[in-house]
Amino acid sequence: MRKFTTTLFIFLCALTAGAQSNSKGSSNFANRFSFEVATVGSSTSKNMNQIGFKANIGYDIIPQLFVFAQIEGEKYLYKSGDVKTHFSSNTLGGGLGTILFDTKDDKGSMGTIDARFAVGTTVGNPELKATTYDFSINWKILRGISPTLGLGYRHINTRTSGMPKMNVVYGTLGIKF
């Protein structure tokens, strides 16, 4: 119960802080930071698919260009015939993104569409060691605190013996602060 209360308190504090923030165009140092959490699910490649959660911390270098650090916890689900198993790993990486479209209507902004390129590698002592290369298109639906949708392509270069390299299409669903 204590963890739930603490998590709820932190979430509500973040909500009220986001309500006080200036517009995206502000040059204030603190307003250039963003935080995003999302779920990830991929297509099947070589009898494996990937599910997990990721978190990004981003910084706007200029209004159209941003960098981000990313951590991702993932499970690789394997199924071949009667054999079903999974492999766990945590990936740490970073990337570069650019805003492609800043959609607007008469009443203001309706969100942004951005393109991202990221590279990550597994950390710790994972069951599946890999380096990942991502390219994705993401839609932040509203200004401020907003749901996000993403679709991307990921090349997974595994370094665990007996495991194939994989290319997958993946989707994300998250929230950005």
C-alpha atoms as a PDB file:
ATOM      1  CA  MET A   1       0.000   0.000   0.000  1.00  0.00           C
ATOM      2  CA  ARG A   2       2.869   2.343   0.805  1.00  0.00           C
ATOM      3  CA  LYS A   3       4.409   1.882  -2.682  1.00  0.00           C
ATOM      4  CA  PHE A   4       1.055   2.617  -4.323  1.00  0.00           C
ATOM      5  CA  THR A   5       0.572   5.777  -2.245  1.00  0.00           C
ATOM      6  CA  THR A   6       4.093   6.990  -3.001  1.00  0.00           C
ATOM      7  CA  THR A   7       3.680   6.304  -6.722  1.00  0.00           C
ATOM      8  CA  LEU A   8       0.325   8.099  -6.781  1.00  0.00           C
ATOM      9  CA  PHE A   9       1.823  11.095  -4.936  1.00  0.00           C
ATOM     10  CA  ILE A  10       4.722  11.370  -7.407  1.00  0.00           C
ATOM     11  CA  PHE A  11       2.334  11.088 -10.367  1.00  0.00           C
ATOM     12  CA  LEU A  12       0.051  13.822  -8.999  1.00  0.00           C
ATOM     13  CA  CYS A  13       3.030  16.097  -8.314  1.00  0.00           C
ATOM     14  CA  ALA A  14       4.191  15.608 -11.901  1.00  0.00           C
ATOM     15  CA  LEU A  15       0.687  16.401 -13.144  1.00  0.00           C
ATOM     16  CA  THR A  16       0.502  19.697 -11.268  1.00  0.00           C
ATOM     17  CA  ALA A  17       4.030  20.646 -12.325  1.00  0.00           C
ATOM     18  CA  GLY A  18       3.120  19.987 -15.965  1.00  0.00           C
ATOM     19  CA  ALA A  19       0.041  22.197 -15.669  1.00  0.00           C
ATOM     20  CA  GLN A  20       2.278  25.137 -14.736  1.00  0.00           C
ATOM     21  CA  SER A  21       4.748  24.760 -17.616  1.00  0.00           C
ATOM     22  CA  ASN A  22       5.160  27.286 -20.409  1.00  0.00           C
ATOM     23  CA  SER A  23       4.693  26.598 -24.091  1.00  0.00           C
ATOM     24  CA  LYS A  24       7.141  24.474 -26.099  1.00  0.00           C
ATOM     25  CA  GLY A  25       8.759  27.578 -27.560  1.00  0.00           C
ATOM     26  CA  SER A  26      10.015  28.830 -24.213  1.00  0.00           C
ATOM     27  CA  SER A  27      13.772  29.187 -23.871  1.00  0.00           C
ATOM     28  CA  ASN A  28      13.660  28.327 -20.148  1.00  0.00           C
ATOM     29  CA  PHE A  29      16.231  25.584 -19.442  1.00  0.00           C
ATOM     30  CA  ALA A  30      13.849  23.443 -17.369  1.00  0.00           C
ATOM     31  CA  ASN A  31      11.075  23.569 -20.001  1.00  0.00           C
ATOM     32  CA  ARG A  32      13.331  21.900 -22.559  1.00  0.00           C
ATOM     33  CA  PHE A  33      13.238  18.570 -20.675  1.00  0.00           C
ATOM     34  CA  SER A  34      10.642  15.859 -21.272  1.00  0.00           C
ATOM     35  CA  PHE A  35       9.901  12.451 -19.772  1.00  0.00           C
ATOM     36  CA  GLU A  36       8.101   9.590 -21.506  1.00  0.00           C
ATOM     37  CA  VAL A  37       7.075   6.089 -20.422  1.00  0.00           C
ATOM     38  CA  ALA A  38       5.649   3.528 -22.840  1.00  0.00           C
ATOM     39  CA  THR A  39       4.839  -0.118 -23.396  1.00  0.00           C
ATOM     40  CA  VAL A  40       6.501  -1.876 -26.334  1.00  0.00           C
ATOM     41  CA  GLY A  41       5.301  -4.835 -28.383  1.00  0.00           C
ATOM     42  CA  SER A  42       6.873  -6.270 -31.541  1.00  0.00           C
ATOM     43  CA  SER A  43       6.102  -8.565 -34.420  1.00  0.00           C
ATOM     44  CA  THR A  44       7.427 -12.134 -34.422  1.00  0.00           C
ATOM     45  CA  SER A  45      10.831 -12.779 -35.983  1.00  0.00           C
ATOM     46  CA  LYS A  46      12.513 -16.198 -35.995  1.00  0.00           C
ATOM     47  CA  ASN A  47       9.973 -17.587 -33.478  1.00  0.00           C
ATOM     48  CA  MET A  48      10.562 -14.709 -31.024  1.00  0.00           C
ATOM     49  CA  ASN A  49       8.712 -11.535 -30.205  1.00  0.00           C
ATOM     50  CA  GLN A  50       9.525  -8.763 -27.778  1.00  0.00           C
ATOM     51  CA  ILE A  51       7.404  -7.062 -25.118  1.00  0.00           C
ATOM     52  CA  GLY A  52       8.466  -4.569 -22.483  1.00  0.00           C
ATOM     53  CA  PHE A  53       8.430  -1.113 -20.959  1.00  0.00           C
ATOM     54  CA  LYS A  54      10.667   1.840 -21.731  1.00  0.00           C
ATOM     55  CA  ALA A  55      11.382   5.258 -20.288  1.00  0.00           C
ATOM     56  CA  ASN A  56      12.948   8.222 -22.106  1.00  0.00           C
ATOM     57  CA  ILE A  57      14.359  11.446 -20.720  1.00  0.00           C
ATOM     58  CA  GLY A  58      14.702  14.028 -23.484  1.00  0.00           C
ATOM     59  CA  TYR A  59      16.214  17.473 -23.929  1.00  0.00           C
ATOM     60  CA  ASP A  60      15.323  19.916 -26.731  1.00  0.00           C
ATOM     61  CA  ILE A  61      18.555  21.248 -28.241  1.00  0.00           C
ATOM     62  CA  ILE A  62      16.588  23.563 -30.526  1.00  0.00           C
ATOM     63  CA  PRO A  63      12.797  23.593 -31.025  1.00  0.00           C
ATOM     64  CA  GLN A  64      12.981  21.013 -33.864  1.00  0.00           C
ATOM     65  CA  LEU A  65      15.798  18.746 -32.568  1.00  0.00           C
ATOM     66  CA  PHE A  66      16.107  16.733 -29.354  1.00  0.00           C
ATOM     67  CA  VAL A  67      18.338  14.121 -27.744  1.00  0.00           C
ATOM     68  CA  PHE A  68      17.189  11.463 -25.304  1.00  0.00           C
ATOM     69  CA  ALA A  69      18.445   8.762 -22.970  1.00  0.00           C
ATOM     70  CA  GLN A  70      16.457   5.537 -22.896  1.00  0.00           C
ATOM     71  CA  ILE A  71      16.154   2.545 -20.593  1.00  0.00           C
ATOM     72  CA  GLU A  72      14.068  -0.462 -21.565  1.00  0.00           C
ATOM     73  CA  GLY A  73      13.125  -3.627 -19.707  1.00  0.00           C
ATOM     74  CA  GLU A  74      12.113  -6.371 -22.083  1.00  0.00           C
ATOM     75  CA  LYS A  75      11.124  -9.996 -22.396  1.00  0.00           C
ATOM     76  CA  TYR A  76      11.790 -11.995 -25.533  1.00  0.00           C
ATOM     77  CA  LEU A  77       9.102 -14.662 -25.878  1.00  0.00           C
ATOM     78  CA  TYR A  78      10.218 -17.780 -27.763  1.00  0.00           C
ATOM     79  CA  LYS A  79       7.902 -20.448 -29.141  1.00  0.00           C
ATOM     80  CA  SER A  80       8.861 -23.288 -31.469  1.00  0.00           C
ATOM     81  CA  GLY A  81       6.644 -26.350 -31.584  1.00  0.00           C
ATOM     82  CA  ASP A  82       6.036 -27.460 -27.996  1.00  0.00           C
ATOM     83  CA  VAL A  83       8.943 -25.396 -26.620  1.00  0.00           C
ATOM     84  CA  LYS A  84       7.929 -22.118 -24.957  1.00  0.00           C
ATOM     85  CA  THR A  85      10.378 -20.004 -22.977  1.00  0.00           C
ATOM     86  CA  HIS A  86      11.443 -16.397 -22.454  1.00  0.00           C
ATOM     87  CA  PHE A  87      14.614 -14.372 -22.064  1.00  0.00           C
ATOM     88  CA  SER A  88      14.914 -11.183 -19.995  1.00  0.00           C
ATOM     89  CA  SER A  89      17.168  -8.192 -20.564  1.00  0.00           C
ATOM     90  CA  ASN A  90      17.538  -4.508 -19.765  1.00  0.00           C
ATOM     91  CA  THR A  91      18.728  -2.115 -22.445  1.00  0.00           C
ATOM     92  CA  LEU A  92      20.364   1.267 -21.891  1.00  0.00           C
ATOM     93  CA  GLY A  93      20.866   3.653 -24.784  1.00  0.00           C
ATOM     94  CA  GLY A  94      20.204   7.007 -26.324  1.00  0.00           C
ATOM     95  CA  GLY A  95      19.182   8.697 -29.495  1.00  0.00           C
ATOM     96  CA  LEU A  96      18.389  11.720 -31.570  1.00  0.00           C
ATOM     97  CA  GLY A  97      14.997  12.925 -32.737  1.00  0.00           C
ATOM     98  CA  THR A  98      13.515  15.616 -34.915  1.00  0.00           C
ATOM     99  CA  ILE A  99      10.011  17.047 -35.075  1.00  0.00           C
ATOM    100  CA  LEU A 100       8.595  16.441 -38.544  1.00  0.00           C
ATOM    101  CA  PHE A 101       5.179  18.085 -38.150  1.00  0.00           C
ATOM    102  CA  ASP A 102       3.746  20.388 -35.531  1.00  0.00           C
ATOM    103  CA  THR A 103       0.043  19.972 -36.292  1.00  0.00           C
ATOM    104  CA  LYS A 104      -2.126  22.997 -35.575  1.00  0.00           C
ATOM    105  CA  ASP A 105      -5.729  24.013 -36.021  1.00  0.00           C
ATOM    106  CA  ASP A 106      -7.660  27.258 -35.326  1.00  0.00           C
ATOM    107  CA  LYS A 107      -7.758  26.599 -31.577  1.00  0.00           C
ATOM    108  CA  GLY A 108      -4.046  25.814 -31.114  1.00  0.00           C
ATOM    109  CA  SER A 109      -1.755  22.834 -31.300  1.00  0.00           C
ATOM    110  CA  MET A 110      -3.010  19.288 -31.758  1.00  0.00           C
ATOM    111  CA  GLY A 111       0.367  17.675 -31.073  1.00  0.00           C
ATOM    112  CA  THR A 112       3.551  16.734 -32.864  1.00  0.00           C
ATOM    113  CA  ILE A 113       4.875  13.951 -35.067  1.00  0.00           C
ATOM    114  CA  ASP A 114       8.555  13.168 -34.667  1.00  0.00           C
ATOM    115  CA  ALA A 115      11.153  10.762 -36.050  1.00  0.00           C
ATOM    116  CA  ARG A 116      13.679   9.106 -33.724  1.00  0.00           C
ATOM    117  CA  PHE A 117      16.838   7.061 -34.134  1.00  0.00           C
ATOM    118  CA  ALA A 118      18.165   5.212 -31.088  1.00  0.00           C
ATOM    119  CA  VAL A 119      20.953   2.775 -30.255  1.00  0.00           C
ATOM    120  CA  GLY A 120      21.024   0.665 -27.107  1.00  0.00           C
ATOM    121  CA  THR A 121      22.883  -2.232 -25.569  1.00  0.00           C
ATOM    122  CA  THR A 122      21.983  -4.680 -22.832  1.00  0.00           C
ATOM    123  CA  VAL A 123      23.415  -4.005 -19.378  1.00  0.00           C
ATOM    124  CA  GLY A 124      23.973  -6.150 -16.329  1.00  0.00           C
ATOM    125  CA  ASN A 125      23.957  -9.916 -16.734  1.00  0.00           C
ATOM    126  CA  PRO A 126      21.066 -10.483 -19.183  1.00  0.00           C
ATOM    127  CA  GLU A 127      19.859 -13.821 -20.479  1.00  0.00           C
ATOM    128  CA  LEU A 128      19.918 -12.394 -24.016  1.00  0.00           C
ATOM    129  CA  LYS A 129      22.798 -10.031 -24.855  1.00  0.00           C
ATOM    130  CA  ALA A 130      22.088  -7.699 -27.756  1.00  0.00           C
ATOM    131  CA  THR A 131      22.635  -4.317 -29.351  1.00  0.00           C
ATOM    132  CA  THR A 132      19.517  -2.679 -30.777  1.00  0.00           C
ATOM    133  CA  TYR A 133      19.135  -0.092 -33.533  1.00  0.00           C
ATOM    134  CA  ASP A 134      15.748   1.655 -33.738  1.00  0.00           C
ATOM    135  CA  PHE A 135      13.985   3.983 -36.108  1.00  0.00           C
ATOM    136  CA  SER A 136      10.493   5.124 -35.150  1.00  0.00           C
ATOM    137  CA  ILE A 137       7.778   7.643 -35.932  1.00  0.00           C
ATOM    138  CA  ASN A 138       5.925   8.906 -32.837  1.00  0.00           C
ATOM    139  CA  TRP A 139       2.788  10.979 -32.414  1.00  0.00           C
ATOM    140  CA  LYS A 140       2.395  13.068 -29.290  1.00  0.00           C
ATOM    141  CA  ILE A 141      -1.321  13.724 -29.464  1.00  0.00           C
ATOM    142  CA  LEU A 142      -1.629  16.906 -27.342  1.00  0.00           C
ATOM    143  CA  ARG A 143       0.539  19.609 -25.775  1.00  0.00           C
ATOM    144  CA  GLY A 144       1.655  19.190 -22.161  1.00  0.00           C
ATOM    145  CA  ILE A 145       0.936  15.806 -20.595  1.00  0.00           C
ATOM    146  CA  SER A 146      -0.183  13.644 -23.490  1.00  0.00           C
ATOM    147  CA  PRO A 147      -0.710  10.085 -24.695  1.00  0.00           C
ATOM    148  CA  THR A 148       1.758   8.959 -27.363  1.00  0.00           C
ATOM    149  CA  LEU A 149       1.631   6.386 -30.150  1.00  0.00           C
ATOM    150  CA  GLY A 150       4.641   5.062 -32.026  1.00  0.00           C
ATOM    151  CA  LEU A 151       5.502   2.689 -34.833  1.00  0.00           C
ATOM    152  CA  GLY A 152       9.053   1.642 -35.582  1.00  0.00           C
ATOM    153  CA  TYR A 153      11.581  -0.762 -37.021  1.00  0.00           C
ATOM    154  CA  ARG A 154      14.203  -2.422 -34.812  1.00  0.00           C
ATOM    155  CA  HIS A 155      17.295  -4.444 -35.719  1.00  0.00           C
ATOM    156  CA  ILE A 156      18.386  -6.652 -32.803  1.00  0.00           C
ATOM    157  CA  ASN A 157      21.994  -7.809 -33.104  1.00  0.00           C
ATOM    158  CA  THR A 158      22.202 -10.633 -30.549  1.00  0.00           C
ATOM    159  CA  ARG A 159      25.517 -11.577 -28.970  1.00  0.00           C
ATOM    160  CA  THR A 160      24.231 -14.708 -27.218  1.00  0.00           C
ATOM    161  CA  SER A 161      25.428 -17.900 -28.899  1.00  0.00           C
ATOM    162  CA  GLY A 162      22.703 -19.809 -30.697  1.00  0.00           C
ATOM    163  CA  MET A 163      20.376 -16.785 -30.922  1.00  0.00           C
ATOM    164  CA  PRO A 164      19.635 -15.267 -34.344  1.00  0.00           C
ATOM    165  CA  LYS A 165      19.784 -11.606 -35.324  1.00  0.00           C
ATOM    166  CA  MET A 166      16.267 -10.237 -35.693  1.00  0.00           C
ATOM    167  CA  ASN A 167      14.443  -7.477 -37.541  1.00  0.00           C
ATOM    168  CA  VAL A 168      11.055  -6.529 -36.102  1.00  0.00           C
ATOM    169  CA  VAL A 169       8.330  -3.952 -36.495  1.00  0.00           C
ATOM    170  CA  TYR A 170       7.169  -2.661 -33.120  1.00  0.00           C
ATOM    171  CA  GLY A 171       4.548  -0.390 -31.668  1.00  0.00           C
ATOM    172  CA  THR A 172       4.490   1.748 -28.538  1.00  0.00           C
ATOM    173  CA  LEU A 173       1.734   3.219 -26.419  1.00  0.00           C
ATOM    174  CA  GLY A 174       2.697   5.624 -23.672  1.00  0.00           C
ATOM    175  CA  ILE A 175       2.429   8.967 -21.957  1.00  0.00           C
ATOM    176  CA  LYS A 176       4.742  11.965 -22.270  1.00  0.00           C
ATOM    177  CA  PHE A 177       5.246  14.696 -19.691  1.00  0.00           C
END
